[in-house]
Protein backbone atom coordinates (compact mmCIF):
# COMPACT_ATOMS: atom_id res chain seq x y z
CA UNK A 1 0.00 0.00 0.00
CA UNK A 2 1.28 3.47 -0.87
CA UNK A 3 1.53 5.65 2.23
CA UNK A 4 3.07 8.82 0.77
CA UNK A 5 3.14 10.46 -2.66
CA UNK A 6 4.78 13.51 -4.23
CA UNK A 7 2.42 14.45 -7.02
CA UNK A 8 1.60 17.26 -9.42
CA UNK A 9 -0.86 20.03 -8.61
CA UNK A 10 -3.32 19.06 -11.34
CA UNK A 11 -3.32 15.39 -10.30
CA UNK A 12 -3.92 16.37 -6.66
CA UNK A 13 -6.73 18.61 -7.90
CA UNK A 14 -8.63 15.52 -9.02
CA UNK A 15 -9.08 14.67 -5.33
CA UNK A 16 -8.72 18.10 -3.71
CA UNK A 17 -10.25 20.57 -6.24
CA UNK A 18 -9.47 23.57 -4.03
CA UNK A 19 -5.75 23.31 -4.82
CA UNK A 20 -6.55 24.30 -8.42
CA UNK A 21 -7.05 27.87 -7.20
CA UNK A 22 -3.26 28.14 -6.85
CA UNK A 23 -3.08 27.80 -10.63
CA UNK A 24 -5.33 30.75 -11.48
CA UNK A 25 -3.70 32.82 -14.26
CA UNK A 26 -1.16 35.52 -13.37
CA UNK A 27 -1.89 35.08 -9.66
CA UNK A 28 1.73 35.24 -8.46
CA UNK A 29 4.59 37.43 -9.65
CA UNK A 30 7.17 34.82 -8.70
CA UNK A 31 7.63 31.50 -6.92
CA UNK A 32 8.54 32.91 -3.45
CA UNK A 33 5.22 34.82 -3.41
CA UNK A 34 3.39 31.57 -4.13
CA UNK A 35 5.35 29.84 -1.36
CA UNK A 36 4.29 32.45 1.20
CA UNK A 37 0.64 31.91 0.27
CA UNK A 38 0.93 28.11 0.40
CA UNK A 39 2.73 28.27 3.75
CA UNK A 40 -0.03 30.46 5.19
CA UNK A 41 -3.80 30.32 5.59
CA UNK A 42 -4.44 29.18 2.00
CA UNK A 43 -2.19 26.16 2.46
CA UNK A 44 -3.89 25.33 5.78
CA UNK A 45 -7.31 25.49 4.08
CA UNK A 46 -6.11 23.16 1.32
CA UNK A 47 -4.80 20.76 3.95
CA UNK A 48 -8.20 20.74 5.66
CA UNK A 49 -9.86 19.82 2.37
CA UNK A 50 -7.21 17.13 1.81
CA UNK A 51 -7.92 15.62 5.23
CA UNK A 52 -11.61 15.44 4.34
CA UNK A 53 -10.50 13.38 1.32
CA UNK A 54 -8.35 11.06 3.46
CA UNK A 55 -5.00 12.76 2.87
CA UNK A 56 -2.53 14.68 5.03
CA UNK A 57 -0.64 17.51 3.38
CA UNK A 58 2.99 17.53 4.53
CA UNK A 59 4.61 20.08 2.21
CA UNK A 60 4.10 22.12 -0.94
CA UNK A 61 7.13 21.52 -3.10
CA UNK A 62 7.76 23.87 -6.02
CA UNK A 63 6.88 22.94 -9.59
CA UNK A 64 7.81 26.26 -11.16
CA UNK A 65 6.28 29.25 -12.89
CA UNK A 66 5.14 28.28 -16.37
CA UNK A 67 6.10 30.06 -19.61
CA UNK A 68 5.17 29.69 -23.29
CA UNK A 69 7.62 28.67 -26.01
CA UNK A 70 6.88 28.53 -29.74
CA UNK A 71 8.52 27.33 -32.93
CA UNK A 72 8.73 30.80 -34.47
CA UNK A 73 6.64 33.30 -32.53
CA UNK A 74 7.25 35.40 -29.43
CA UNK A 75 4.42 36.35 -27.09
CA UNK A 76 4.44 40.07 -26.31
CA UNK A 77 0.70 40.52 -25.58
CA UNK A 78 -2.22 38.14 -24.94
CA UNK A 79 -3.39 38.84 -28.49
CA UNK A 80 -0.32 36.99 -29.78
CA UNK A 81 -1.85 33.76 -28.46
CA UNK A 82 -4.91 34.01 -30.69
CA UNK A 83 -5.39 30.80 -32.65
CA UNK A 84 -2.12 29.27 -31.43
CA UNK A 85 -2.09 25.48 -31.37
CA UNK A 86 -0.53 24.90 -27.98
CA UNK A 87 0.10 21.72 -26.03
CA UNK A 88 -0.94 21.65 -22.38
CA UNK A 89 -0.99 18.97 -19.69
CA UNK A 90 -4.37 17.30 -19.10
CA UNK A 91 -5.24 20.05 -16.62
CA UNK A 92 -8.63 21.76 -16.83
CA UNK A 93 -7.27 25.00 -15.36
CA UNK A 94 -4.46 25.32 -17.93
CA UNK A 95 -6.78 24.47 -20.81
CA UNK A 96 -9.32 27.04 -19.56
CA UNK A 97 -6.61 29.73 -19.31
CA UNK A 98 -5.48 29.35 -22.90
CA UNK A 99 -8.99 28.98 -24.22
CA UNK A 100 -9.90 32.28 -22.54
CA UNK A 101 -6.82 33.89 -24.10
CA UNK A 102 -7.97 32.85 -27.57
CA UNK A 103 -5.48 30.02 -28.13
CA UNK A 104 -6.30 26.51 -29.33
CA UNK A 105 -5.04 24.30 -26.48
CA UNK A 106 -5.06 20.52 -26.37
CA UNK A 107 -3.70 18.08 -23.79
CA UNK A 108 -0.90 15.65 -24.63
CA UNK A 109 1.41 13.42 -22.60
CA UNK A 110 4.72 15.17 -21.91
CA UNK A 111 6.76 12.29 -23.34
CA UNK A 112 5.05 12.79 -26.72
CA UNK A 113 5.61 16.56 -26.81
CA UNK A 114 8.93 16.78 -28.74
CA UNK A 115 7.62 14.59 -31.57
CA UNK A 116 4.34 16.51 -31.70
CA UNK A 117 6.19 19.81 -32.00
CA UNK A 118 8.59 18.55 -34.66
CA UNK A 119 5.73 17.13 -36.74
CA UNK A 120 3.77 20.37 -36.57
CA UNK A 121 0.85 19.07 -34.55
CA UNK A 122 1.51 21.96 -32.16
CA UNK A 123 3.23 25.26 -32.74
CA UNK A 124 3.85 25.96 -29.08
CA UNK A 125 3.80 24.58 -25.58
CA UNK A 126 4.01 25.80 -21.98
CA UNK A 127 6.17 24.55 -19.10
CA UNK A 128 8.51 25.75 -16.35
CA UNK A 129 11.93 26.78 -17.63
CA UNK A 130 13.59 23.77 -16.01
CA UNK A 131 11.32 21.39 -17.94
CA UNK A 132 11.83 23.28 -21.20
CA UNK A 133 15.60 22.94 -20.97
CA UNK A 134 15.96 19.53 -19.32
CA UNK A 135 13.82 17.95 -22.07
CA UNK A 136 15.61 20.04 -24.76
CA UNK A 137 12.33 21.56 -25.90
CA UNK A 138 14.21 24.86 -26.20
CA UNK A 139 16.06 23.37 -29.18
CA UNK A 140 12.74 22.88 -30.97
CA UNK A 141 10.76 25.92 -29.81
CA UNK A 142 13.46 28.58 -29.93
CA UNK A 143 11.15 31.48 -29.07
CA UNK A 144 10.70 31.41 -25.30
CA UNK A 145 8.40 34.08 -23.85
CA UNK A 146 8.47 34.70 -20.09
CA UNK A 147 4.69 34.80 -19.78
CA UNK A 148 4.62 33.61 -16.15
CA UNK A 149 0.98 32.73 -16.67
CA UNK A 150 0.66 30.03 -14.01
CA UNK A 151 2.32 28.84 -10.81
CA UNK A 152 2.31 25.20 -9.78
CA UNK A 153 3.19 23.30 -6.65
CA UNK A 154 3.99 19.64 -6.20
CA UNK A 155 2.27 18.58 -2.96
CA UNK A 156 3.77 15.92 -0.71
CA UNK A 157 0.83 13.94 0.65
CA UNK A 158 0.41 11.07 3.10
CA UNK A 159 -2.42 8.66 3.73
CA UNK A 160 -4.37 10.15 6.63
CA UNK A 161 -5.01 6.67 8.06
CA UNK A 162 -1.27 5.89 8.04
CA UNK A 163 -0.40 9.35 9.37
CA UNK A 164 -2.86 8.96 12.26
CA UNK A 165 -1.34 5.58 13.15
CA UNK A 166 2.06 7.17 13.84
CA UNK A 167 3.10 8.29 17.30
CA UNK A 168 3.33 12.06 17.89
CA UNK A 169 7.12 11.71 17.97
CA UNK A 170 7.21 9.93 14.61
CA UNK A 171 4.79 12.39 13.05
CA UNK A 172 7.02 15.22 14.21
CA UNK A 173 10.07 13.52 12.73
CA UNK A 174 8.38 12.94 9.36
CA UNK A 175 7.01 16.49 9.25
CA UNK A 176 10.38 18.01 10.10
CA UNK A 177 12.05 15.97 7.36
CA UNK A 178 9.33 16.86 4.84
CA UNK A 179 9.67 20.58 5.61
CA UNK A 180 13.46 20.48 5.32
CA UNK A 181 13.27 18.59 2.02
CA UNK A 182 10.65 21.05 0.75
CA UNK A 183 12.89 24.05 1.34
CA UNK A 184 15.86 22.29 -0.18
CA UNK A 185 13.84 21.44 -3.29
CA UNK A 186 12.41 24.95 -3.52
CA UNK A 187 15.92 26.37 -3.36
CA UNK A 188 17.18 24.11 -6.13
CA UNK A 189 14.14 24.92 -8.30
CA UNK A 190 14.50 28.67 -7.79
CA UNK A 191 18.23 28.61 -8.47
CA UNK A 192 17.86 26.57 -11.65
CA UNK A 193 14.95 28.64 -13.00
CA UNK A 194 16.68 31.95 -12.23
CA UNK A 195 19.87 30.83 -13.97
CA UNK A 196 17.95 29.83 -17.10
CA UNK A 197 16.24 33.22 -17.30
CA UNK A 198 19.49 35.19 -17.13
CA UNK A 199 20.40 36.90 -20.43
CA UNK A 200 23.62 35.50 -22.00
CA UNK A 201 25.57 38.68 -21.33
CA UNK A 202 24.66 38.52 -17.64
CA UNK A 203 25.82 34.90 -17.45
CA UNK A 204 29.08 35.85 -19.15
CA UNK A 205 29.57 38.71 -16.70
CA UNK A 206 28.86 36.41 -13.75
CA UNK A 207 31.42 33.91 -15.05
CA UNK A 208 33.98 36.70 -15.47
CA UNK A 209 33.41 37.99 -11.94
CA UNK A 210 33.58 34.39 -10.69
CA UNK A 211 36.92 33.91 -12.42
CA UNK A 212 38.31 37.09 -10.84
CA UNK A 213 36.99 36.06 -7.42
CA UNK A 214 38.48 32.59 -7.77
CA UNK A 215 41.82 34.05 -8.79
CA UNK A 216 41.91 36.58 -5.97
CA UNK A 217 40.80 34.09 -3.35
CA UNK A 218 43.35 31.56 -4.62
CA UNK A 219 46.14 34.09 -4.27
CA UNK A 220 44.90 34.90 -0.79
CA UNK A 221 45.13 31.25 0.19
CA UNK A 222 48.91 31.21 -0.08
CA UNK A 223 49.67 34.83 0.85
CA UNK A 224 48.92 36.68 4.12
CA UNK A 225 46.52 36.62 5.84
CA UNK A 226 46.55 32.85 5.40
CA UNK A 227 44.57 32.14 8.56
CA UNK A 228 41.64 34.37 7.58
CA UNK A 229 41.27 33.02 4.06
CA UNK A 230 41.60 29.42 5.22
CA UNK A 231 38.93 30.00 7.84
CA UNK A 232 36.53 31.55 5.30
CA UNK A 233 37.17 28.81 2.75
CA UNK A 234 36.69 26.09 5.34
CA UNK A 235 33.46 27.67 6.55
CA UNK A 236 32.09 27.82 2.99
CA UNK A 237 33.11 24.20 2.32
CA UNK A 238 32.01 23.06 5.80
CA UNK A 239 35.32 21.30 6.44
CA UNK A 240 38.03 21.64 9.06
CA UNK A 241 40.95 24.01 8.41
CA UNK A 242 43.38 21.08 8.55
CA UNK A 243 41.40 19.11 5.97
CA UNK A 244 41.16 22.16 3.71
CA UNK A 245 44.89 22.80 3.99
CA UNK A 246 45.80 19.22 3.09
CA UNK A 247 43.43 19.27 0.11
CA UNK A 248 44.96 22.51 -1.15
CA UNK A 249 48.62 21.51 -0.84
CA UNK A 250 48.92 20.40 -4.51
CA UNK A 251 47.29 23.65 -5.57
CA UNK A 252 49.66 25.68 -3.39
CA UNK A 253 52.65 24.02 -5.03
CA UNK A 254 51.33 24.44 -8.59
CA UNK A 255 50.36 28.07 -7.98
CA UNK A 256 53.75 28.93 -6.48
CA UNK A 257 55.50 27.34 -9.46
CA UNK A 258 53.34 29.38 -11.86
CA UNK A 259 54.08 32.58 -9.96
CA UNK A 260 57.80 31.81 -10.01
CA UNK A 261 57.64 31.19 -13.74
CA UNK A 262 55.86 34.51 -14.29
CA UNK A 263 58.39 36.24 -12.07
CA UNK A 264 61.46 34.93 -13.92
CA UNK A 265 59.88 34.88 -17.43
CA UNK A 266 57.54 37.92 -17.55
CA UNK A 267 56.81 37.36 -21.23
CA UNK A 268 54.66 34.39 -20.23
CA UNK A 269 51.99 36.74 -18.88
CA UNK A 270 51.03 37.90 -22.38
CA UNK A 271 49.81 34.42 -23.42
């Protein structure tokens, strides 16, 4: 018997219809705003409805803010969606949103989406950025518009009968673990989505700054104040200073040799 499940918002909505309200169009500006709502009174109300259906809500994991991508068309205004053949999940809320916007939505299994796009069955689709890139849909639908039309959660649910059979201590342990895992997953989702929405020049700038930081910190590791930089590096890596020092010994040696080479053969610095 299944005692816990991490499911999608639309699938949960088949049993707890009230959760579909989270997916109303353009309701949240970003994922953290949605999290605050789900972690507040709205989430508590949804949990009450879930309990009435025999489920216990343990956490609302993040399933991203959804955006539209198309084979050849960008979406600047709602009017640009008029008549668009767009694939959606089998979710009544999503279908209703695009129907109201004048598009021509139809549900299709996610696994069949790339083939359907390549064959011209659909001109566009909508998904969170992480799904668009992880499934390489961005290589097919090169026009990605940050429509942010819908937020979705991925509820972690438990059988209420099983949950009630646990001791208070065990329930507390499971809930604590579920909450910690939820925040870890939310952080990963937010970080991945934010990185994918950065313009290329911003990514290049971040990499350049990262390279400078790495260089400067590396130099600081083998020049005074050694103790301060080792302490900071160890704190970031969550290791002991001794362990960090031993791990960096080969780097120290290589870096010193490079510096000596630059010192005695300055012409090397132009390459």
